Amino acid sequence: MTNSMVVNVYEQYFAAEGTFNGVERHGALVMLVSDSEAGTICYRAAVTFFPHRDEEDYAVSYDAFFEQELYRAPGRRSRKREAALLEQLPAEIDALASAHGARVLWDRPLREARRG
């Protein structure tokens, strides 16, 4: 049995624009996810778009979830690597979002960032 440890290194909610499955999405949860398993570390950029119908609506729906692997190699988590990946995260998320006709409004955060 392998022991996998998944951690959201970074996550933050932003205003967003997009329509998925006929539902307008006004919020996005942006994440940098690390997954370490059996001596290998993997980092993924991920974003999920959700309706955010009002200031209290943070009900994240996973029917508009997209991710991209950024790094995979033998080893473990590294602060230096994570800092570099965080710098490229907006560009990676923009590419994922635009490929699906959506966008994250980076200048309109809905909550403070959380780091794990």
N, C-alpha and C. Protein backbone atom coordinates (compact mmCIF):
# COMPACT_ATOMS: atom_id res chain seq x y z
N MET A 1 0.84 -1.18 0.00
CA MET A 1 0.00 0.00 0.00
C MET A 1 0.89 1.24 0.00
N THR A 2 0.63 2.18 -0.92
CA THR A 2 1.41 3.41 -0.98
C THR A 2 0.75 4.47 -0.12
N ASN A 3 1.56 5.36 0.37
CA ASN A 3 1.07 6.43 1.23
C ASN A 3 1.18 7.74 0.48
N SER A 4 0.06 8.28 0.03
CA SER A 4 0.03 9.53 -0.72
C SER A 4 -0.38 10.67 0.19
N MET A 5 0.33 11.79 0.08
CA MET A 5 -0.02 12.95 0.88
C MET A 5 -0.27 14.12 -0.06
N VAL A 6 -1.53 14.56 -0.14
CA VAL A 6 -1.92 15.67 -1.00
C VAL A 6 -2.11 16.90 -0.13
N VAL A 7 -1.48 18.00 -0.53
CA VAL A 7 -1.55 19.25 0.22
C VAL A 7 -1.82 20.39 -0.75
N ASN A 8 -2.78 21.26 -0.40
CA ASN A 8 -2.94 22.49 -1.16
C ASN A 8 -1.90 23.47 -0.65
N VAL A 9 -0.82 23.62 -1.42
CA VAL A 9 0.27 24.52 -1.06
C VAL A 9 -0.26 25.95 -1.01
N TYR A 10 -1.17 26.26 -1.93
CA TYR A 10 -1.76 27.60 -2.04
C TYR A 10 -3.18 27.43 -2.53
N GLU A 11 -4.08 28.23 -1.99
CA GLU A 11 -5.43 28.30 -2.55
C GLU A 11 -6.00 29.68 -2.27
N GLN A 12 -6.74 30.19 -3.25
CA GLN A 12 -7.38 31.50 -3.07
C GLN A 12 -8.58 31.58 -4.00
N TYR A 13 -9.62 32.25 -3.49
CA TYR A 13 -10.84 32.49 -4.26
C TYR A 13 -10.72 33.84 -4.97
N PHE A 14 -11.15 33.86 -6.22
CA PHE A 14 -11.17 35.09 -7.02
C PHE A 14 -12.51 35.21 -7.74
N ALA A 15 -12.85 36.44 -8.09
CA ALA A 15 -13.97 36.64 -9.01
C ALA A 15 -13.56 36.04 -10.36
N ALA A 16 -14.54 35.61 -11.12
CA ALA A 16 -14.24 34.96 -12.39
C ALA A 16 -15.39 35.15 -13.36
N GLU A 17 -15.15 34.79 -14.61
CA GLU A 17 -16.18 34.82 -15.65
C GLU A 17 -16.12 33.52 -16.42
N GLY A 18 -17.27 32.95 -16.66
CA GLY A 18 -17.35 31.73 -17.46
C GLY A 18 -18.72 31.10 -17.33
N THR A 19 -19.06 30.26 -18.29
CA THR A 19 -20.32 29.53 -18.24
C THR A 19 -20.02 28.06 -18.54
N PHE A 20 -20.47 27.20 -17.63
CA PHE A 20 -20.26 25.76 -17.79
C PHE A 20 -21.59 25.07 -17.53
N ASN A 21 -21.93 24.14 -18.40
CA ASN A 21 -23.19 23.39 -18.27
C ASN A 21 -24.39 24.31 -18.10
N GLY A 22 -24.35 25.43 -18.83
CA GLY A 22 -25.47 26.37 -18.81
C GLY A 22 -25.56 27.24 -17.57
N VAL A 23 -24.57 27.17 -16.68
CA VAL A 23 -24.60 27.95 -15.44
C VAL A 23 -23.46 28.97 -15.45
N GLU A 24 -23.80 30.24 -15.28
CA GLU A 24 -22.78 31.27 -15.20
C GLU A 24 -21.96 31.10 -13.94
N ARG A 25 -20.65 31.27 -14.06
CA ARG A 25 -19.74 31.14 -12.92
C ARG A 25 -19.11 32.51 -12.67
N HIS A 26 -19.20 32.95 -11.42
CA HIS A 26 -18.67 34.25 -11.04
C HIS A 26 -17.54 34.14 -10.04
N GLY A 27 -17.15 32.91 -9.69
CA GLY A 27 -16.06 32.68 -8.74
C GLY A 27 -15.15 31.56 -9.21
N ALA A 28 -13.91 31.62 -8.75
CA ALA A 28 -12.94 30.56 -9.07
C ALA A 28 -12.09 30.30 -7.84
N LEU A 29 -11.83 29.04 -7.60
CA LEU A 29 -10.90 28.63 -6.56
C LEU A 29 -9.63 28.18 -7.28
N VAL A 30 -8.54 28.91 -7.04
CA VAL A 30 -7.25 28.65 -7.67
C VAL A 30 -6.37 27.93 -6.67
N MET A 31 -5.70 26.85 -7.11
CA MET A 31 -4.90 26.04 -6.19
C MET A 31 -3.57 25.63 -6.82
N LEU A 32 -2.55 25.52 -5.96
CA LEU A 32 -1.32 24.83 -6.30
C LEU A 32 -1.29 23.63 -5.37
N VAL A 33 -1.33 22.44 -5.95
CA VAL A 33 -1.48 21.21 -5.18
C VAL A 33 -0.20 20.39 -5.27
N SER A 34 0.28 19.92 -4.12
CA SER A 34 1.43 19.01 -4.12
C SER A 34 0.93 17.62 -3.74
N ASP A 35 1.52 16.62 -4.35
CA ASP A 35 1.18 15.23 -4.06
C ASP A 35 2.49 14.46 -3.97
N SER A 36 2.78 13.97 -2.78
CA SER A 36 4.00 13.19 -2.60
C SER A 36 3.61 11.74 -2.32
N GLU A 37 4.25 10.86 -3.08
CA GLU A 37 3.94 9.44 -2.94
C GLU A 37 5.17 8.64 -3.31
N ALA A 38 5.56 7.73 -2.43
CA ALA A 38 6.65 6.79 -2.69
C ALA A 38 7.92 7.48 -3.20
N GLY A 39 8.29 8.60 -2.55
CA GLY A 39 9.52 9.28 -2.90
C GLY A 39 9.45 10.15 -4.13
N THR A 40 8.24 10.40 -4.65
CA THR A 40 8.05 11.27 -5.81
C THR A 40 7.18 12.44 -5.40
N ILE A 41 7.53 13.63 -5.91
CA ILE A 41 6.71 14.81 -5.65
C ILE A 41 6.13 15.30 -6.98
N CYS A 42 4.87 15.68 -6.92
CA CYS A 42 4.17 16.19 -8.10
C CYS A 42 3.46 17.47 -7.70
N TYR A 43 3.53 18.47 -8.55
CA TYR A 43 2.78 19.72 -8.33
C TYR A 43 1.83 19.93 -9.49
N ARG A 44 0.61 20.36 -9.17
CA ARG A 44 -0.40 20.64 -10.19
C ARG A 44 -1.02 22.01 -9.95
N ALA A 45 -1.25 22.73 -11.04
CA ALA A 45 -2.06 23.95 -11.01
C ALA A 45 -3.50 23.49 -11.21
N ALA A 46 -4.42 24.01 -10.40
CA ALA A 46 -5.81 23.60 -10.54
C ALA A 46 -6.73 24.80 -10.34
N VAL A 47 -7.85 24.78 -11.02
CA VAL A 47 -8.85 25.83 -10.87
C VAL A 47 -10.22 25.20 -11.03
N THR A 48 -11.16 25.63 -10.20
CA THR A 48 -12.54 25.22 -10.36
C THR A 48 -13.40 26.47 -10.34
N PHE A 49 -14.31 26.54 -11.29
CA PHE A 49 -15.21 27.69 -11.41
C PHE A 49 -16.54 27.33 -10.76
N PHE A 50 -17.08 28.26 -9.98
CA PHE A 50 -18.33 27.99 -9.27
C PHE A 50 -19.25 29.21 -9.38
N PRO A 51 -20.57 29.02 -9.13
CA PRO A 51 -21.54 30.09 -9.40
C PRO A 51 -21.30 31.40 -8.63
N HIS A 52 -20.98 31.34 -7.34
CA HIS A 52 -20.80 32.53 -6.50
C HIS A 52 -21.90 33.57 -6.78
N ARG A 53 -23.13 33.15 -6.47
CA ARG A 53 -24.31 33.99 -6.76
C ARG A 53 -24.44 35.20 -5.84
N ASP A 54 -23.82 35.12 -4.64
CA ASP A 54 -23.82 36.25 -3.73
C ASP A 54 -22.58 36.17 -2.84
N GLU A 55 -22.40 37.13 -1.96
CA GLU A 55 -21.19 37.22 -1.14
C GLU A 55 -20.98 36.01 -0.23
N GLU A 56 -22.05 35.27 0.06
CA GLU A 56 -21.95 34.11 0.96
C GLU A 56 -21.81 32.78 0.22
N ASP A 57 -21.94 32.82 -1.11
CA ASP A 57 -21.97 31.59 -1.91
C ASP A 57 -20.56 31.14 -2.31
N TYR A 58 -20.02 30.21 -1.53
CA TYR A 58 -18.74 29.61 -1.85
C TYR A 58 -18.90 28.11 -2.09
N ALA A 59 -20.10 27.71 -2.51
CA ALA A 59 -20.37 26.30 -2.79
C ALA A 59 -19.64 25.92 -4.08
N VAL A 60 -18.50 25.28 -3.93
CA VAL A 60 -17.67 24.93 -5.08
C VAL A 60 -18.25 23.70 -5.77
N SER A 61 -18.48 23.85 -7.05
CA SER A 61 -18.97 22.74 -7.86
C SER A 61 -17.80 22.24 -8.69
N TYR A 62 -17.68 20.94 -8.81
CA TYR A 62 -16.52 20.38 -9.49
C TYR A 62 -16.82 19.95 -10.92
N ASP A 63 -17.90 20.48 -11.51
CA ASP A 63 -18.17 20.18 -12.91
C ASP A 63 -17.37 21.10 -13.83
N ALA A 64 -16.68 22.08 -13.28
CA ALA A 64 -15.84 22.98 -14.06
C ALA A 64 -14.46 23.04 -13.41
N PHE A 65 -13.83 21.87 -13.26
CA PHE A 65 -12.54 21.73 -12.60
C PHE A 65 -11.50 21.37 -13.66
N PHE A 66 -10.39 22.09 -13.64
CA PHE A 66 -9.33 21.86 -14.62
C PHE A 66 -7.98 21.89 -13.91
N GLU A 67 -7.07 21.02 -14.35
CA GLU A 67 -5.75 21.00 -13.73
C GLU A 67 -4.68 20.68 -14.76
N GLN A 68 -3.45 21.08 -14.41
CA GLN A 68 -2.30 20.86 -15.28
C GLN A 68 -1.11 20.49 -14.40
N GLU A 69 -0.47 19.38 -14.72
CA GLU A 69 0.73 19.00 -13.98
C GLU A 69 1.86 19.96 -14.35
N LEU A 70 2.53 20.49 -13.32
CA LEU A 70 3.62 21.44 -13.53
C LEU A 70 4.99 20.82 -13.31
N TYR A 71 5.06 19.83 -12.43
CA TYR A 71 6.36 19.28 -12.04
C TYR A 71 6.14 17.89 -11.46
N ARG A 72 7.04 16.96 -11.82
CA ARG A 72 7.04 15.61 -11.23
C ARG A 72 8.48 15.10 -11.28
N ALA A 73 8.96 14.68 -10.12
CA ALA A 73 10.33 14.17 -10.04
C ALA A 73 10.51 13.44 -8.71
N PRO A 74 11.55 12.63 -8.61
CA PRO A 74 11.87 12.04 -7.32
C PRO A 74 12.22 13.16 -6.33
N GLY A 75 11.86 12.98 -5.09
CA GLY A 75 12.19 13.98 -4.08
C GLY A 75 11.00 14.30 -3.20
N ARG A 76 11.07 15.48 -2.58
CA ARG A 76 10.00 15.90 -1.67
C ARG A 76 9.75 17.39 -1.85
N ARG A 77 8.83 17.92 -1.07
CA ARG A 77 8.46 19.33 -1.17
C ARG A 77 9.68 20.22 -0.93
N SER A 78 9.70 21.34 -1.65
CA SER A 78 10.79 22.30 -1.55
C SER A 78 10.21 23.71 -1.57
N ARG A 79 10.54 24.51 -0.57
CA ARG A 79 10.05 25.89 -0.52
C ARG A 79 10.50 26.68 -1.74
N LYS A 80 11.74 26.48 -2.15
CA LYS A 80 12.27 27.20 -3.30
C LYS A 80 11.48 26.84 -4.57
N ARG A 81 11.24 25.55 -4.77
CA ARG A 81 10.47 25.10 -5.94
C ARG A 81 9.05 25.64 -5.88
N GLU A 82 8.44 25.58 -4.69
CA GLU A 82 7.07 26.07 -4.54
C GLU A 82 6.98 27.56 -4.83
N ALA A 83 7.98 28.33 -4.41
CA ALA A 83 7.98 29.78 -4.69
C ALA A 83 8.03 30.02 -6.20
N ALA A 84 8.87 29.26 -6.90
CA ALA A 84 8.97 29.40 -8.35
C ALA A 84 7.66 29.00 -9.03
N LEU A 85 7.05 27.93 -8.57
CA LEU A 85 5.78 27.48 -9.15
C LEU A 85 4.66 28.48 -8.88
N LEU A 86 4.67 29.10 -7.71
CA LEU A 86 3.66 30.12 -7.39
C LEU A 86 3.78 31.32 -8.31
N GLU A 87 5.01 31.66 -8.69
CA GLU A 87 5.21 32.77 -9.61
C GLU A 87 4.60 32.49 -10.98
N GLN A 88 4.67 31.24 -11.43
CA GLN A 88 4.13 30.91 -12.75
C GLN A 88 2.65 30.50 -12.68
N LEU A 89 2.10 30.37 -11.49
CA LEU A 89 0.72 29.88 -11.34
C LEU A 89 -0.30 30.72 -12.10
N PRO A 90 -0.29 32.06 -12.00
CA PRO A 90 -1.30 32.83 -12.75
C PRO A 90 -1.29 32.55 -14.25
N ALA A 91 -0.11 32.45 -14.85
CA ALA A 91 -0.03 32.17 -16.29
C ALA A 91 -0.58 30.78 -16.60
N GLU A 92 -0.28 29.79 -15.76
CA GLU A 92 -0.80 28.44 -15.97
C GLU A 92 -2.32 28.40 -15.85
N ILE A 93 -2.84 29.09 -14.83
CA ILE A 93 -4.29 29.13 -14.63
C ILE A 93 -4.97 29.87 -15.77
N ASP A 94 -4.36 30.97 -16.22
CA ASP A 94 -4.93 31.72 -17.36
C ASP A 94 -5.03 30.82 -18.59
N ALA A 95 -4.01 30.01 -18.84
CA ALA A 95 -4.03 29.11 -20.00
C ALA A 95 -5.13 28.06 -19.85
N LEU A 96 -5.25 27.48 -18.66
CA LEU A 96 -6.31 26.49 -18.42
C LEU A 96 -7.69 27.12 -18.60
N ALA A 97 -7.88 28.30 -18.00
CA ALA A 97 -9.19 28.97 -18.06
C ALA A 97 -9.54 29.35 -19.49
N SER A 98 -8.61 29.96 -20.21
CA SER A 98 -8.93 30.42 -21.56
C SER A 98 -9.21 29.25 -22.50
N ALA A 99 -8.58 28.10 -22.24
CA ALA A 99 -8.85 26.92 -23.06
C ALA A 99 -10.30 26.45 -22.90
N HIS A 100 -10.96 26.90 -21.84
CA HIS A 100 -12.35 26.51 -21.57
C HIS A 100 -13.29 27.71 -21.59
N GLY A 101 -12.84 28.80 -22.20
CA GLY A 101 -13.70 29.97 -22.39
C GLY A 101 -14.02 30.72 -21.10
N ALA A 102 -13.10 30.69 -20.15
CA ALA A 102 -13.34 31.37 -18.88
C ALA A 102 -12.12 32.20 -18.52
N ARG A 103 -12.27 33.00 -17.46
CA ARG A 103 -11.10 33.74 -16.97
C ARG A 103 -11.23 34.06 -15.50
N VAL A 104 -10.08 34.11 -14.85
CA VAL A 104 -9.98 34.47 -13.44
C VAL A 104 -9.66 35.96 -13.39
N LEU A 105 -10.38 36.68 -12.54
CA LEU A 105 -10.14 38.12 -12.39
C LEU A 105 -9.18 38.32 -11.21
N TRP A 106 -7.88 38.28 -11.52
CA TRP A 106 -6.83 38.30 -10.50
C TRP A 106 -6.88 39.54 -9.62
N ASP A 107 -7.37 40.64 -10.16
CA ASP A 107 -7.41 41.89 -9.38
C ASP A 107 -8.64 41.97 -8.47
N ARG A 108 -9.41 40.89 -8.42
CA ARG A 108 -10.61 40.86 -7.57
C ARG A 108 -10.63 39.62 -6.69
N PRO A 109 -9.69 39.51 -5.73
CA PRO A 109 -9.73 38.37 -4.80
C PRO A 109 -10.98 38.42 -3.94
N LEU A 110 -11.56 37.25 -3.66
CA LEU A 110 -12.76 37.17 -2.83
C LEU A 110 -12.42 36.87 -1.38
N ARG A 111 -11.27 36.26 -1.16
CA ARG A 111 -10.79 35.93 0.18
C ARG A 111 -9.28 35.99 0.18
N GLU A 112 -8.70 36.05 1.37
CA GLU A 112 -7.25 36.02 1.49
C GLU A 112 -6.72 34.65 1.07
N ALA A 113 -5.50 34.63 0.61
CA ALA A 113 -4.85 33.36 0.23
C ALA A 113 -4.59 32.51 1.46
N ARG A 114 -4.66 31.20 1.26
CA ARG A 114 -4.28 30.24 2.32
C ARG A 114 -3.13 29.41 1.79
N ARG A 115 -2.17 29.15 2.66
CA ARG A 115 -1.02 28.32 2.27
C ARG A 115 -0.92 27.14 3.20
N GLY A 116 -0.55 26.00 2.61
CA GLY A 116 -0.46 24.77 3.39
C GLY A 116 0.93 24.23 3.47
